[in-house]
PDB file of N, CA and C in Angstrom:
ATOM      1  N   MET A   1       0.250  -8.404  -9.996  1.00  0.00           N
ATOM      2  CA  MET A   1      -1.117  -8.368 -10.449  1.00  0.00           C
ATOM      3  C   MET A   1      -2.008  -9.092  -9.438  1.00  0.00           C
ATOM      4  N   TYR A   2      -2.988  -8.417  -8.961  1.00  0.00           N
ATOM      5  CA  TYR A   2      -3.939  -9.049  -8.047  1.00  0.00           C
ATOM      6  C   TYR A   2      -5.372  -8.821  -8.490  1.00  0.00           C
ATOM      7  N   THR A   3      -5.532  -8.478  -9.781  1.00  0.00           N
ATOM      8  CA  THR A   3      -6.863  -8.360 -10.368  1.00  0.00           C
ATOM      9  C   THR A   3      -6.895  -9.145 -11.678  1.00  0.00           C
ATOM     10  N   ASP A   4      -8.093  -9.517 -12.086  1.00  0.00           N
ATOM     11  CA  ASP A   4      -8.226 -10.193 -13.370  1.00  0.00           C
ATOM     12  C   ASP A   4      -8.340  -9.143 -14.480  1.00  0.00           C
ATOM     13  N   SER A   5      -8.556  -9.595 -15.702  1.00  0.00           N
ATOM     14  CA  SER A   5      -8.597  -8.669 -16.841  1.00  0.00           C
ATOM     15  C   SER A   5      -9.773  -7.701 -16.786  1.00  0.00           C
ATOM     16  N   ASN A   6     -10.760  -7.990 -15.928  1.00  0.00           N
ATOM     17  CA  ASN A   6     -11.908  -7.102 -15.750  1.00  0.00           C
ATOM     18  C   ASN A   6     -11.761  -6.177 -14.550  1.00  0.00           C
ATOM     19  N   GLY A   7     -10.628  -6.280 -13.859  1.00  0.00           N
ATOM     20  CA  GLY A   7     -10.376  -5.420 -12.712  1.00  0.00           C
ATOM     21  C   GLY A   7     -10.902  -5.935 -11.392  1.00  0.00           C
ATOM     22  N   PHE A   8     -11.358  -7.191 -11.358  1.00  0.00           N
ATOM     23  CA  PHE A   8     -11.862  -7.769 -10.117  1.00  0.00           C
ATOM     24  C   PHE A   8     -10.718  -8.382  -9.320  1.00  0.00           C
ATOM     25  N   LEU A   9     -10.761  -8.173  -8.004  1.00  0.00           N
ATOM     26  CA  LEU A   9      -9.708  -8.702  -7.135  1.00  0.00           C
ATOM     27  C   LEU A   9      -9.638 -10.224  -7.197  1.00  0.00           C
ATOM     28  N   LEU A  10      -8.416 -10.740  -7.227  1.00  0.00           N
ATOM     29  CA  LEU A  10      -8.173 -12.176  -7.219  1.00  0.00           C
ATOM     30  C   LEU A  10      -7.725 -12.657  -5.842  1.00  0.00           C
ATOM     31  N   VAL A  11      -7.714 -11.758  -4.898  1.00  0.00           N
ATOM     32  CA  VAL A  11      -7.291 -12.077  -3.533  1.00  0.00           C
ATOM     33  C   VAL A  11      -8.437 -11.769  -2.577  1.00  0.00           C
ATOM     34  N   ASP A  12      -8.385 -12.359  -1.395  1.00  0.00           N
ATOM     35  CA  ASP A  12      -9.438 -12.139  -0.405  1.00  0.00           C
ATOM     36  C   ASP A  12      -9.338 -10.785   0.280  1.00  0.00           C
ATOM     37  N   LYS A  13      -8.122 -10.296   0.439  1.00  0.00           N
ATOM     38  CA  LYS A  13      -7.929  -9.054   1.185  1.00  0.00           C
ATOM     39  C   LYS A  13      -6.662  -8.364   0.693  1.00  0.00           C
ATOM     40  N   VAL A  14      -6.732  -7.046   0.607  1.00  0.00           N
ATOM     41  CA  VAL A  14      -5.556  -6.236   0.294  1.00  0.00           C
ATOM     42  C   VAL A  14      -5.200  -5.476   1.560  1.00  0.00           C
ATOM     43  N   VAL A  15      -3.959  -5.622   1.999  1.00  0.00           N
ATOM     44  CA  VAL A  15      -3.484  -4.921   3.187  1.00  0.00           C
ATOM     45  C   VAL A  15      -2.669  -3.718   2.714  1.00  0.00           C
ATOM     46  N   LYS A  16      -3.107  -2.541   3.103  1.00  0.00           N
ATOM     47  CA  LYS A  16      -2.417  -1.316   2.706  1.00  0.00           C
ATOM     48  C   LYS A  16      -1.187  -1.103   3.588  1.00  0.00           C
ATOM     49  N   TYR A  17      -0.130  -0.588   2.979  1.00  0.00           N
ATOM     50  CA  TYR A  17       1.110  -0.368   3.714  1.00  0.00           C
ATOM     51  C   TYR A  17       0.909   0.577   4.892  1.00  0.00           C
ATOM     52  N   GLU A  18       0.076   1.596   4.702  1.00  0.00           N
ATOM     53  CA  GLU A  18      -0.098   2.580   5.774  1.00  0.00           C
ATOM     54  C   GLU A  18      -0.819   2.016   6.991  1.00  0.00           C
ATOM     55  N   SER A  19      -1.424   0.842   6.859  1.00  0.00           N
ATOM     56  CA  SER A  19      -2.032   0.160   8.009  1.00  0.00           C
ATOM     57  C   SER A  19      -1.588  -1.302   8.033  1.00  0.00           C
ATOM     58  N   LEU A  20      -0.320  -1.514   7.718  1.00  0.00           N
ATOM     59  CA  LEU A  20       0.235  -2.856   7.554  1.00  0.00           C
ATOM     60  C   LEU A  20       0.097  -3.721   8.797  1.00  0.00           C
ATOM     61  N   ILE A  21       0.510  -3.222   9.936  1.00  0.00           N
ATOM     62  CA  ILE A  21       0.493  -4.035  11.157  1.00  0.00           C
ATOM     63  C   ILE A  21      -0.935  -4.426  11.525  1.00  0.00           C
ATOM     64  N   GLU A  22      -1.837  -3.476  11.484  1.00  0.00           N
ATOM     65  CA  GLU A  22      -3.239  -3.762  11.791  1.00  0.00           C
ATOM     66  C   GLU A  22      -3.819  -4.777  10.796  1.00  0.00           C
ATOM     67  N   GLY A  23      -3.533  -4.564   9.519  1.00  0.00           N
ATOM     68  CA  GLY A  23      -4.032  -5.464   8.491  1.00  0.00           C
ATOM     69  C   GLY A  23      -3.472  -6.863   8.617  1.00  0.00           C
ATOM     70  N   LEU A  24      -2.167  -6.959   8.887  1.00  0.00           N
ATOM     71  CA  LEU A  24      -1.569  -8.278   9.078  1.00  0.00           C
ATOM     72  C   LEU A  24      -2.135  -8.962  10.311  1.00  0.00           C
ATOM     73  N   GLY A  25      -2.377  -8.184  11.356  1.00  0.00           N
ATOM     74  CA  GLY A  25      -2.982  -8.752  12.562  1.00  0.00           C
ATOM     75  C   GLY A  25      -4.325  -9.385  12.263  1.00  0.00           C
ATOM     76  N   THR A  26      -5.127  -8.703  11.474  1.00  0.00           N
ATOM     77  CA  THR A  26      -6.440  -9.227  11.095  1.00  0.00           C
ATOM     78  C   THR A  26      -6.307 -10.499  10.257  1.00  0.00           C
ATOM     79  N   VAL A  27      -5.443 -10.466   9.251  1.00  0.00           N
ATOM     80  CA  VAL A  27      -5.254 -11.631   8.378  1.00  0.00           C
ATOM     81  C   VAL A  27      -4.731 -12.817   9.174  1.00  0.00           C
ATOM     82  N   PHE A  28      -3.714 -12.580   9.975  1.00  0.00           N
ATOM     83  CA  PHE A  28      -3.137 -13.683  10.754  1.00  0.00           C
ATOM     84  C   PHE A  28      -4.152 -14.256  11.739  1.00  0.00           C
ATOM     85  N   GLN A  29      -4.950 -13.393  12.355  1.00  0.00           N
ATOM     86  CA  GLN A  29      -5.976 -13.879  13.280  1.00  0.00           C
ATOM     87  C   GLN A  29      -6.972 -14.769  12.538  1.00  0.00           C
ATOM     88  N   GLU A  30      -7.402 -14.331  11.352  1.00  0.00           N
ATOM     89  CA  GLU A  30      -8.336 -15.129  10.557  1.00  0.00           C
ATOM     90  C   GLU A  30      -7.737 -16.474  10.160  1.00  0.00           C
ATOM     91  N   LEU A  31      -6.434 -16.510   9.948  1.00  0.00           N
ATOM     92  CA  LEU A  31      -5.755 -17.744   9.554  1.00  0.00           C
ATOM     93  C   LEU A  31      -5.294 -18.585  10.732  1.00  0.00           C
ATOM     94  N   GLY A  32      -5.395 -18.019  11.937  1.00  0.00           N
ATOM     95  CA  GLY A  32      -4.939 -18.742  13.121  1.00  0.00           C
ATOM     96  C   GLY A  32      -3.431 -18.776  13.251  1.00  0.00           C
ATOM     97  N   VAL A  33      -2.777 -17.765  12.709  1.00  0.00           N
ATOM     98  CA  VAL A  33      -1.317 -17.675  12.765  1.00  0.00           C
ATOM     99  C   VAL A  33      -0.931 -16.720  13.888  1.00  0.00           C
ATOM    100  N   PRO A  34      -0.065 -17.154  14.800  1.00  0.00           N
ATOM    101  CA  PRO A  34       0.364 -16.249  15.881  1.00  0.00           C
ATOM    102  C   PRO A  34       1.074 -15.008  15.323  1.00  0.00           C
ATOM    103  N   PHE A  35       0.751 -13.857  15.892  1.00  0.00           N
ATOM    104  CA  PHE A  35       1.361 -12.602  15.464  1.00  0.00           C
ATOM    105  C   PHE A  35       1.397 -11.671  16.653  1.00  0.00           C
ATOM    106  N   ASP A  36       2.599 -11.205  16.995  1.00  0.00           N
ATOM    107  CA  ASP A  36       2.740 -10.355  18.185  1.00  0.00           C
ATOM    108  C   ASP A  36       2.591  -8.868  17.884  1.00  0.00           C
ATOM    109  N   GLY A  37       2.209  -8.526  16.643  1.00  0.00           N
ATOM    110  CA  GLY A  37       2.002  -7.128  16.298  1.00  0.00           C
ATOM    111  C   GLY A  37       3.248  -6.410  15.848  1.00  0.00           C
ATOM    112  N   SER A  38       4.303  -7.163  15.579  1.00  0.00           N
ATOM    113  CA  SER A  38       5.544  -6.554  15.136  1.00  0.00           C
ATOM    114  C   SER A  38       6.179  -7.414  14.050  1.00  0.00           C
ATOM    115  N   LEU A  39       6.803  -6.752  13.086  1.00  0.00           N
ATOM    116  CA  LEU A  39       7.556  -7.480  12.065  1.00  0.00           C
ATOM    117  C   LEU A  39       9.007  -7.661  12.487  1.00  0.00           C
ATOM    118  N   GLY A  40       9.388  -6.996  13.553  1.00  0.00           N
ATOM    119  CA  GLY A  40      10.744  -7.134  14.059  1.00  0.00           C
ATOM    120  C   GLY A  40      11.784  -6.326  13.295  1.00  0.00           C
ATOM    121  N   VAL A  41      11.343  -5.574  12.304  1.00  0.00           N
ATOM    122  CA  VAL A  41      12.258  -4.741  11.521  1.00  0.00           C
ATOM    123  C   VAL A  41      11.573  -3.418  11.223  1.00  0.00           C
ATOM    124  N   ARG A  42      12.366  -2.458  10.851  1.00  0.00           N
ATOM    125  CA  ARG A  42      11.834  -1.178  10.376  1.00  0.00           C
ATOM    126  C   ARG A  42      12.170  -1.100   8.905  1.00  0.00           C
ATOM    127  N   ALA A  43      11.315  -1.652   8.096  1.00  0.00           N
ATOM    128  CA  ALA A  43      11.568  -1.934   6.688  1.00  0.00           C
ATOM    129  C   ALA A  43      12.132  -0.760   5.887  1.00  0.00           C
ATOM    130  N   LYS A  44      11.534   0.408   5.964  1.00  0.00           N
ATOM    131  CA  LYS A  44      11.954   1.506   5.102  1.00  0.00           C
ATOM    132  C   LYS A  44      12.585   2.658   5.870  1.00  0.00           C
ATOM    133  N   SER A  45      12.788   2.500   7.142  1.00  0.00           N
ATOM    134  CA  SER A  45      13.204   3.628   7.967  1.00  0.00           C
ATOM    135  C   SER A  45      14.566   4.190   7.584  1.00  0.00           C
ATOM    136  N   GLU A  46      15.430   3.380   6.989  1.00  0.00           N
ATOM    137  CA  GLU A  46      16.767   3.860   6.669  1.00  0.00           C
ATOM    138  C   GLU A  46      16.917   4.283   5.213  1.00  0.00           C
ATOM    139  N   HIS A  47      15.908   4.032   4.395  1.00  0.00           N
ATOM    140  CA  HIS A  47      16.044   4.293   2.971  1.00  0.00           C
ATOM    141  C   HIS A  47      15.543   5.671   2.557  1.00  0.00           C
ATOM    142  N   ARG A  48      14.586   6.185   3.238  1.00  0.00           N
ATOM    143  CA  ARG A  48      13.999   7.468   2.850  1.00  0.00           C
ATOM    144  C   ARG A  48      14.505   8.562   3.778  1.00  0.00           C
ATOM    145  N   LYS A  49      15.440   9.340   3.272  1.00  0.00           N
ATOM    146  CA  LYS A  49      16.016  10.410   4.082  1.00  0.00           C
ATOM    147  C   LYS A  49      15.151  11.667   4.058  1.00  0.00           C
ATOM    148  N   ASP A  50      14.498  11.916   2.915  1.00  0.00           N
ATOM    149  CA  ASP A  50      13.651  13.100   2.761  1.00  0.00           C
ATOM    150  C   ASP A  50      12.269  12.773   3.333  1.00  0.00           C
ATOM    151  N   ARG A  51      11.913  13.369   4.445  1.00  0.00           N
ATOM    152  CA  ARG A  51      10.677  13.039   5.152  1.00  0.00           C
ATOM    153  C   ARG A  51       9.495  13.931   4.778  1.00  0.00           C
ATOM    154  N   ARG A  52       9.667  14.791   3.766  1.00  0.00           N
ATOM    155  CA  ARG A  52       8.546  15.616   3.337  1.00  0.00           C
ATOM    156  C   ARG A  52       7.440  14.735   2.764  1.00  0.00           C
ATOM    157  N   ALA A  53       6.227  15.240   2.776  1.00  0.00           N
ATOM    158  CA  ALA A  53       5.103  14.526   2.179  1.00  0.00           C
ATOM    159  C   ALA A  53       5.370  14.340   0.687  1.00  0.00           C
ATOM    160  N   TYR A  54       4.929  13.212   0.152  1.00  0.00           N
ATOM    161  CA  TYR A  54       5.192  12.936  -1.259  1.00  0.00           C
ATOM    162  C   TYR A  54       4.594  14.006  -2.169  1.00  0.00           C
ATOM    163  N   GLN A  55       3.499  14.641  -1.753  1.00  0.00           N
ATOM    164  CA  GLN A  55       2.892  15.697  -2.559  1.00  0.00           C
ATOM    165  C   GLN A  55       3.832  16.880  -2.748  1.00  0.00           C
ATOM    166  N   ASP A  56       4.738  17.073  -1.787  1.00  0.00           N
ATOM    167  CA  ASP A  56       5.689  18.180  -1.847  1.00  0.00           C
ATOM    168  C   ASP A  56       6.959  17.818  -2.610  1.00  0.00           C
ATOM    169  N   ILE A  57       7.154  16.561  -2.887  1.00  0.00           N
ATOM    170  CA  ILE A  57       8.388  16.103  -3.530  1.00  0.00           C
ATOM    171  C   ILE A  57       8.229  15.972  -5.039  1.00  0.00           C
ATOM    172  N   PHE A  58       7.107  15.386  -5.493  1.00  0.00           N
ATOM    173  CA  PHE A  58       6.911  15.131  -6.910  1.00  0.00           C
ATOM    174  C   PHE A  58       6.557  16.403  -7.671  1.00  0.00           C
ATOM    175  N   SER A  59       7.084  16.509  -8.879  1.00  0.00           N
ATOM    176  CA  SER A  59       6.722  17.619  -9.765  1.00  0.00           C
ATOM    177  C   SER A  59       5.352  17.319 -10.376  1.00  0.00           C
ATOM    178  N   ASP A  60       4.774  18.312 -11.044  1.00  0.00           N
ATOM    179  CA  ASP A  60       3.490  18.110 -11.711  1.00  0.00           C
ATOM    180  C   ASP A  60       3.596  17.011 -12.764  1.00  0.00           C
ATOM    181  N   LYS A  61       4.708  16.986 -13.488  1.00  0.00           N
ATOM    182  CA  LYS A  61       4.917  15.957 -14.514  1.00  0.00           C
ATOM    183  C   LYS A  61       4.983  14.565 -13.880  1.00  0.00           C
ATOM    184  N   GLN A  62       5.714  14.440 -12.781  1.00  0.00           N
ATOM    185  CA  GLN A  62       5.799  13.157 -12.093  1.00  0.00           C
ATOM    186  C   GLN A  62       4.430  12.727 -11.572  1.00  0.00           C
ATOM    187  N   ARG A  63       3.696  13.676 -11.023  1.00  0.00           N
ATOM    188  CA  ARG A  63       2.351  13.376 -10.528  1.00  0.00           C
ATOM    189  C   ARG A  63       1.465  12.849 -11.650  1.00  0.00           C
ATOM    190  N   ASP A  64       1.523  13.492 -12.803  1.00  0.00           N
ATOM    191  CA  ASP A  64       0.727  13.060 -13.949  1.00  0.00           C
ATOM    192  C   ASP A  64       1.077  11.631 -14.355  1.00  0.00           C
ATOM    193  N   ILE A  65       2.356  11.319 -14.367  1.00  0.00           N
ATOM    194  CA  ILE A  65       2.803   9.964 -14.723  1.00  0.00           C
ATOM    195  C   ILE A  65       2.265   8.949 -13.726  1.00  0.00           C
ATOM    196  N   ILE A  66       2.394   9.243 -12.444  1.00  0.00           N
ATOM    197  CA  ILE A  66       1.917   8.331 -11.398  1.00  0.00           C
ATOM    198  C   ILE A  66       0.409   8.143 -11.500  1.00  0.00           C
ATOM    199  N   GLU A  67      -0.314   9.245 -11.647  1.00  0.00           N
ATOM    200  CA  GLU A  67      -1.774   9.156 -11.751  1.00  0.00           C
ATOM    201  C   GLU A  67      -2.209   8.347 -12.966  1.00  0.00           C
ATOM    202  N   ARG A  68      -1.486   8.479 -14.074  1.00  0.00           N
ATOM    203  CA  ARG A  68      -1.831   7.734 -15.286  1.00  0.00           C
ATOM    204  C   ARG A  68      -1.480   6.249 -15.140  1.00  0.00           C
ATOM    205  N   GLU A  69      -0.277   5.958 -14.687  1.00  0.00           N
ATOM    206  CA  GLU A  69       0.200   4.572 -14.618  1.00  0.00           C
ATOM    207  C   GLU A  69      -0.508   3.752 -13.542  1.00  0.00           C
ATOM    208  N   PHE A  70      -0.948   4.406 -12.483  1.00  0.00           N
ATOM    209  CA  PHE A  70      -1.572   3.689 -11.369  1.00  0.00           C
ATOM    210  C   PHE A  70      -3.033   4.079 -11.162  1.00  0.00           C
ATOM    211  N   ALA A  71      -3.680   4.529 -12.223  1.00  0.00           N
ATOM    212  CA  ALA A  71      -5.065   5.006 -12.131  1.00  0.00           C
ATOM    213  C   ALA A  71      -5.998   3.954 -11.534  1.00  0.00           C
ATOM    214  N   GLU A  72      -5.871   2.707 -11.964  1.00  0.00           N
ATOM    215  CA  GLU A  72      -6.759   1.652 -11.448  1.00  0.00           C
ATOM    216  C   GLU A  72      -6.566   1.439  -9.952  1.00  0.00           C
ATOM    217  N   GLU A  73      -5.317   1.362  -9.524  1.00  0.00           N
ATOM    218  CA  GLU A  73      -5.034   1.145  -8.107  1.00  0.00           C
ATOM    219  C   GLU A  73      -5.474   2.331  -7.263  1.00  0.00           C
ATOM    220  N   ILE A  74      -5.247   3.527  -7.766  1.00  0.00           N
ATOM    221  CA  ILE A  74      -5.638   4.732  -7.039  1.00  0.00           C
ATOM    222  C   ILE A  74      -7.143   4.745  -6.831  1.00  0.00           C
ATOM    223  N   GLU A  75      -7.885   4.430  -7.879  1.00  0.00           N
ATOM    224  CA  GLU A  75      -9.338   4.403  -7.771  1.00  0.00           C
ATOM    225  C   GLU A  75      -9.812   3.251  -6.882  1.00  0.00           C
ATOM    226  N   MET A  76      -9.256   2.066  -7.101  1.00  0.00           N
ATOM    227  CA  MET A  76      -9.683   0.875  -6.374  1.00  0.00           C
ATOM    228  C   MET A  76      -9.543   1.029  -4.858  1.00  0.00           C
ATOM    229  N   HIS A  77      -8.481   1.683  -4.433  1.00  0.00           N
ATOM    230  CA  HIS A  77      -8.200   1.785  -3.005  1.00  0.00           C
ATOM    231  C   HIS A  77      -8.602   3.131  -2.410  1.00  0.00           C
ATOM    232  N   GLY A  78      -9.214   3.980  -3.218  1.00  0.00           N
ATOM    233  CA  GLY A  78      -9.715   5.245  -2.710  1.00  0.00           C
ATOM    234  C   GLY A  78      -8.634   6.267  -2.401  1.00  0.00           C
ATOM    235  N   TYR A  79      -7.501   6.169  -3.083  1.00  0.00           N
ATOM    236  CA  TYR A  79      -6.424   7.119  -2.843  1.00  0.00           C
ATOM    237  C   TYR A  79      -6.652   8.408  -3.635  1.00  0.00           C
ATOM    238  N   THR A  80      -6.070   9.471  -3.169  1.00  0.00           N
ATOM    239  CA  THR A  80      -5.990  10.722  -3.910  1.00  0.00           C
ATOM    240  C   THR A  80      -4.551  11.201  -3.785  1.00  0.00           C
ATOM    241  N   PHE A  81      -4.121  11.983  -4.729  1.00  0.00           N
ATOM    242  CA  PHE A  81      -2.754  12.488  -4.657  1.00  0.00           C
ATOM    243  C   PHE A  81      -2.689  13.536  -3.586  1.00  0.00           C
TER     244      PHE A  81
END
């Protein structure tokens, strides 16, 4: 949870996974923490074997569940399915 009961962010910045390195670089620079632009690992590279776009993988029912359960996050971050 990173929002209060009214939906307002409780954190200064949200770093999206799809721009993780860039976002971490910005945060670390603001904090004065050295960062060489690498996490030194490939976090998910070995776990996801199916490389199709998620839109092609989920069924309509699964999409509906995701859209319902994560409606606030989807709206807050400007995502679309």
